[in-house]
Amino acid sequence: MESLEINWPLLFTQLLNFGLLFGWILLTVLALFHMRKNPLSDKIATALWAAIIVLVPLLGAVAFFIVRPNRELVHSQK
């Protein structure tokens, strides 16, 4: 009978994958809630940001939080 051993590299890889998946879902939900709470004045910009957040895994939500379009900035440019 074969002994049951833990494959540590596989376990580490699976934990990393789970962490990335959880981080992607969490950041996506947070970014979309932030957009809903503080909507941009331009509907096209809002739609484009929502598409980027959803369609570009992890990097779309990170880019949104780095750029973080401000309502005051958008209103002052008009």
N, C-alpha and C. Protein backbone atom coordinates (compact mmCIF):
# COMPACT_ATOMS: atom_id res chain seq x y z
N MET A 1 0.83 -1.17 0.00
CA MET A 1 0.00 0.00 0.00
C MET A 1 0.89 1.24 0.00
N GLU A 2 0.47 2.21 -0.73
CA GLU A 2 1.23 3.44 -0.88
C GLU A 2 0.99 4.36 0.31
N SER A 3 2.05 5.01 0.79
CA SER A 3 1.88 5.93 1.91
C SER A 3 1.32 7.26 1.40
N LEU A 4 0.52 7.88 2.24
CA LEU A 4 -0.08 9.15 1.87
C LEU A 4 0.87 10.28 2.27
N GLU A 5 1.38 10.97 1.29
CA GLU A 5 2.28 12.08 1.54
C GLU A 5 1.67 13.36 0.99
N ILE A 6 2.07 14.47 1.58
CA ILE A 6 1.60 15.77 1.11
C ILE A 6 2.55 16.25 0.02
N ASN A 7 1.99 16.60 -1.10
CA ASN A 7 2.77 17.16 -2.20
C ASN A 7 2.83 18.68 -1.96
N TRP A 8 3.88 19.15 -1.31
CA TRP A 8 3.97 20.54 -0.89
C TRP A 8 3.96 21.54 -2.04
N PRO A 9 4.67 21.31 -3.14
CA PRO A 9 4.59 22.27 -4.25
C PRO A 9 3.16 22.38 -4.82
N LEU A 10 2.47 21.27 -4.92
CA LEU A 10 1.10 21.30 -5.43
C LEU A 10 0.18 22.03 -4.44
N LEU A 11 0.35 21.78 -3.16
CA LEU A 11 -0.45 22.47 -2.15
C LEU A 11 -0.21 23.97 -2.19
N PHE A 12 1.05 24.37 -2.29
CA PHE A 12 1.38 25.79 -2.37
C PHE A 12 0.77 26.43 -3.62
N THR A 13 0.85 25.73 -4.75
CA THR A 13 0.28 26.25 -6.00
C THR A 13 -1.23 26.40 -5.89
N GLN A 14 -1.89 25.43 -5.29
CA GLN A 14 -3.34 25.50 -5.14
C GLN A 14 -3.75 26.64 -4.20
N LEU A 15 -3.00 26.84 -3.12
CA LEU A 15 -3.30 27.95 -2.21
C LEU A 15 -3.08 29.30 -2.89
N LEU A 16 -2.05 29.39 -3.72
CA LEU A 16 -1.79 30.62 -4.46
C LEU A 16 -2.92 30.88 -5.46
N ASN A 17 -3.36 29.85 -6.16
CA ASN A 17 -4.48 29.99 -7.10
C ASN A 17 -5.75 30.42 -6.39
N PHE A 18 -6.04 29.82 -5.24
CA PHE A 18 -7.22 30.19 -4.48
C PHE A 18 -7.12 31.64 -4.00
N GLY A 19 -5.96 32.04 -3.56
CA GLY A 19 -5.76 33.42 -3.11
C GLY A 19 -5.95 34.42 -4.24
N LEU A 20 -5.43 34.12 -5.42
CA LEU A 20 -5.62 35.01 -6.56
C LEU A 20 -7.08 35.08 -6.98
N LEU A 21 -7.77 33.95 -6.99
CA LEU A 21 -9.18 33.93 -7.35
C LEU A 21 -10.01 34.73 -6.33
N PHE A 22 -9.75 34.51 -5.06
CA PHE A 22 -10.47 35.24 -4.01
C PHE A 22 -10.18 36.74 -4.11
N GLY A 23 -8.91 37.10 -4.34
CA GLY A 23 -8.55 38.51 -4.47
C GLY A 23 -9.20 39.16 -5.66
N TRP A 24 -9.27 38.43 -6.78
CA TRP A 24 -9.91 38.97 -7.98
C TRP A 24 -11.39 39.23 -7.73
N ILE A 25 -12.08 38.26 -7.14
CA ILE A 25 -13.51 38.43 -6.88
C ILE A 25 -13.74 39.56 -5.88
N LEU A 26 -12.96 39.61 -4.82
CA LEU A 26 -13.12 40.65 -3.81
C LEU A 26 -12.87 42.04 -4.38
N LEU A 27 -11.77 42.21 -5.11
CA LEU A 27 -11.47 43.52 -5.69
C LEU A 27 -12.49 43.94 -6.73
N THR A 28 -12.99 42.98 -7.51
CA THR A 28 -14.01 43.29 -8.51
C THR A 28 -15.29 43.77 -7.84
N VAL A 29 -15.73 43.07 -6.82
CA VAL A 29 -16.95 43.47 -6.12
C VAL A 29 -16.77 44.83 -5.45
N LEU A 30 -15.62 45.05 -4.80
CA LEU A 30 -15.37 46.34 -4.15
C LEU A 30 -15.33 47.48 -5.15
N ALA A 31 -14.69 47.27 -6.29
CA ALA A 31 -14.61 48.32 -7.30
C ALA A 31 -15.99 48.63 -7.87
N LEU A 32 -16.78 47.61 -8.13
CA LEU A 32 -18.12 47.85 -8.67
C LEU A 32 -19.03 48.54 -7.65
N PHE A 33 -18.91 48.17 -6.37
CA PHE A 33 -19.69 48.87 -5.35
C PHE A 33 -19.23 50.31 -5.20
N HIS A 34 -17.94 50.55 -5.33
CA HIS A 34 -17.43 51.92 -5.26
C HIS A 34 -17.97 52.74 -6.42
N MET A 35 -18.02 52.13 -7.60
CA MET A 35 -18.57 52.84 -8.76
C MET A 35 -20.05 53.14 -8.57
N ARG A 36 -20.76 52.23 -7.94
CA ARG A 36 -22.20 52.45 -7.72
C ARG A 36 -22.43 53.53 -6.67
N LYS A 37 -21.58 53.57 -5.64
CA LYS A 37 -21.72 54.55 -4.58
C LYS A 37 -21.33 55.95 -5.05
N ASN A 38 -20.28 56.04 -5.85
CA ASN A 38 -19.79 57.31 -6.36
C ASN A 38 -19.81 57.27 -7.89
N PRO A 39 -20.99 57.42 -8.49
CA PRO A 39 -21.05 57.29 -9.95
C PRO A 39 -20.35 58.45 -10.65
N LEU A 40 -19.78 58.15 -11.80
CA LEU A 40 -19.18 59.18 -12.62
C LEU A 40 -20.29 59.92 -13.36
N SER A 41 -20.04 61.16 -13.74
CA SER A 41 -21.07 61.93 -14.42
C SER A 41 -21.26 61.45 -15.86
N ASP A 42 -20.22 60.88 -16.45
CA ASP A 42 -20.29 60.40 -17.82
C ASP A 42 -20.68 58.92 -17.83
N LYS A 43 -21.79 58.59 -18.45
CA LYS A 43 -22.27 57.20 -18.49
C LYS A 43 -21.34 56.30 -19.30
N ILE A 44 -20.73 56.85 -20.35
CA ILE A 44 -19.82 56.05 -21.17
C ILE A 44 -18.58 55.68 -20.37
N ALA A 45 -18.05 56.62 -19.60
CA ALA A 45 -16.87 56.33 -18.77
C ALA A 45 -17.20 55.28 -17.72
N THR A 46 -18.39 55.36 -17.15
CA THR A 46 -18.80 54.37 -16.17
C THR A 46 -18.91 52.98 -16.80
N ALA A 47 -19.49 52.91 -17.98
CA ALA A 47 -19.62 51.63 -18.68
C ALA A 47 -18.25 51.07 -19.06
N LEU A 48 -17.34 51.92 -19.51
CA LEU A 48 -16.00 51.46 -19.87
C LEU A 48 -15.24 50.95 -18.65
N TRP A 49 -15.33 51.67 -17.54
CA TRP A 49 -14.65 51.22 -16.32
C TRP A 49 -15.24 49.90 -15.84
N ALA A 50 -16.56 49.76 -15.90
CA ALA A 50 -17.19 48.50 -15.48
C ALA A 50 -16.72 47.35 -16.37
N ALA A 51 -16.62 47.59 -17.67
CA ALA A 51 -16.16 46.54 -18.58
C ALA A 51 -14.71 46.18 -18.30
N ILE A 52 -13.86 47.17 -18.06
CA ILE A 52 -12.46 46.90 -17.75
C ILE A 52 -12.33 46.12 -16.46
N ILE A 53 -13.09 46.51 -15.45
CA ILE A 53 -13.02 45.83 -14.15
C ILE A 53 -13.43 44.37 -14.28
N VAL A 54 -14.48 44.11 -15.03
CA VAL A 54 -14.99 42.74 -15.13
C VAL A 54 -14.18 41.89 -16.11
N LEU A 55 -13.77 42.47 -17.23
CA LEU A 55 -13.14 41.68 -18.28
C LEU A 55 -11.64 41.48 -18.14
N VAL A 56 -10.97 42.35 -17.40
CA VAL A 56 -9.52 42.20 -17.21
C VAL A 56 -9.30 41.70 -15.77
N PRO A 57 -9.09 40.42 -15.62
CA PRO A 57 -9.01 39.85 -14.27
C PRO A 57 -7.91 40.50 -13.42
N LEU A 58 -8.28 40.88 -12.23
CA LEU A 58 -7.41 41.43 -11.20
C LEU A 58 -6.82 42.77 -11.57
N LEU A 59 -6.24 42.91 -12.74
CA LEU A 59 -5.59 44.17 -13.12
C LEU A 59 -6.61 45.28 -13.37
N GLY A 60 -7.80 44.95 -13.84
CA GLY A 60 -8.82 45.97 -14.07
C GLY A 60 -9.24 46.64 -12.77
N ALA A 61 -9.48 45.84 -11.74
CA ALA A 61 -9.89 46.41 -10.45
C ALA A 61 -8.73 47.16 -9.80
N VAL A 62 -7.53 46.64 -9.91
CA VAL A 62 -6.35 47.33 -9.35
C VAL A 62 -6.15 48.66 -10.07
N ALA A 63 -6.30 48.68 -11.39
CA ALA A 63 -6.16 49.91 -12.16
C ALA A 63 -7.22 50.93 -11.73
N PHE A 64 -8.44 50.47 -11.48
CA PHE A 64 -9.50 51.39 -11.04
C PHE A 64 -9.14 52.04 -9.72
N PHE A 65 -8.62 51.26 -8.78
CA PHE A 65 -8.28 51.83 -7.47
C PHE A 65 -7.04 52.72 -7.54
N ILE A 66 -6.15 52.47 -8.49
CA ILE A 66 -4.99 53.35 -8.65
C ILE A 66 -5.40 54.66 -9.30
N VAL A 67 -6.17 54.57 -10.38
CA VAL A 67 -6.60 55.78 -11.09
C VAL A 67 -7.70 56.49 -10.32
N ARG A 68 -8.65 55.74 -9.81
CA ARG A 68 -9.79 56.19 -9.03
C ARG A 68 -10.34 57.54 -9.51
N PRO A 69 -11.12 57.52 -10.58
CA PRO A 69 -11.69 58.76 -11.09
C PRO A 69 -12.56 59.42 -10.03
N ASN A 70 -12.26 60.66 -9.73
CA ASN A 70 -12.96 61.41 -8.70
C ASN A 70 -14.13 62.18 -9.29
N ARG A 71 -15.23 62.25 -8.57
CA ARG A 71 -16.37 63.02 -9.06
C ARG A 71 -16.02 64.50 -9.11
N GLU A 72 -15.31 65.02 -8.13
CA GLU A 72 -14.97 66.44 -8.10
C GLU A 72 -14.09 66.81 -9.28
N LEU A 73 -13.15 65.93 -9.63
CA LEU A 73 -12.25 66.17 -10.74
C LEU A 73 -13.03 66.18 -12.06
N VAL A 74 -13.95 65.25 -12.20
CA VAL A 74 -14.74 65.17 -13.43
C VAL A 74 -15.64 66.39 -13.54
N HIS A 75 -16.24 66.85 -12.44
CA HIS A 75 -17.14 68.00 -12.47
C HIS A 75 -16.36 69.29 -12.71
N SER A 76 -15.13 69.38 -12.20
CA SER A 76 -14.37 70.62 -12.37
C SER A 76 -13.87 70.79 -13.80
N GLN A 77 -13.79 69.72 -14.57
CA GLN A 77 -13.31 69.81 -15.94
C GLN A 77 -14.40 70.26 -16.91
N LYS A 78 -15.63 70.26 -16.48
CA LYS A 78 -16.74 70.69 -17.35
C LYS A 78 -16.84 72.19 -17.43
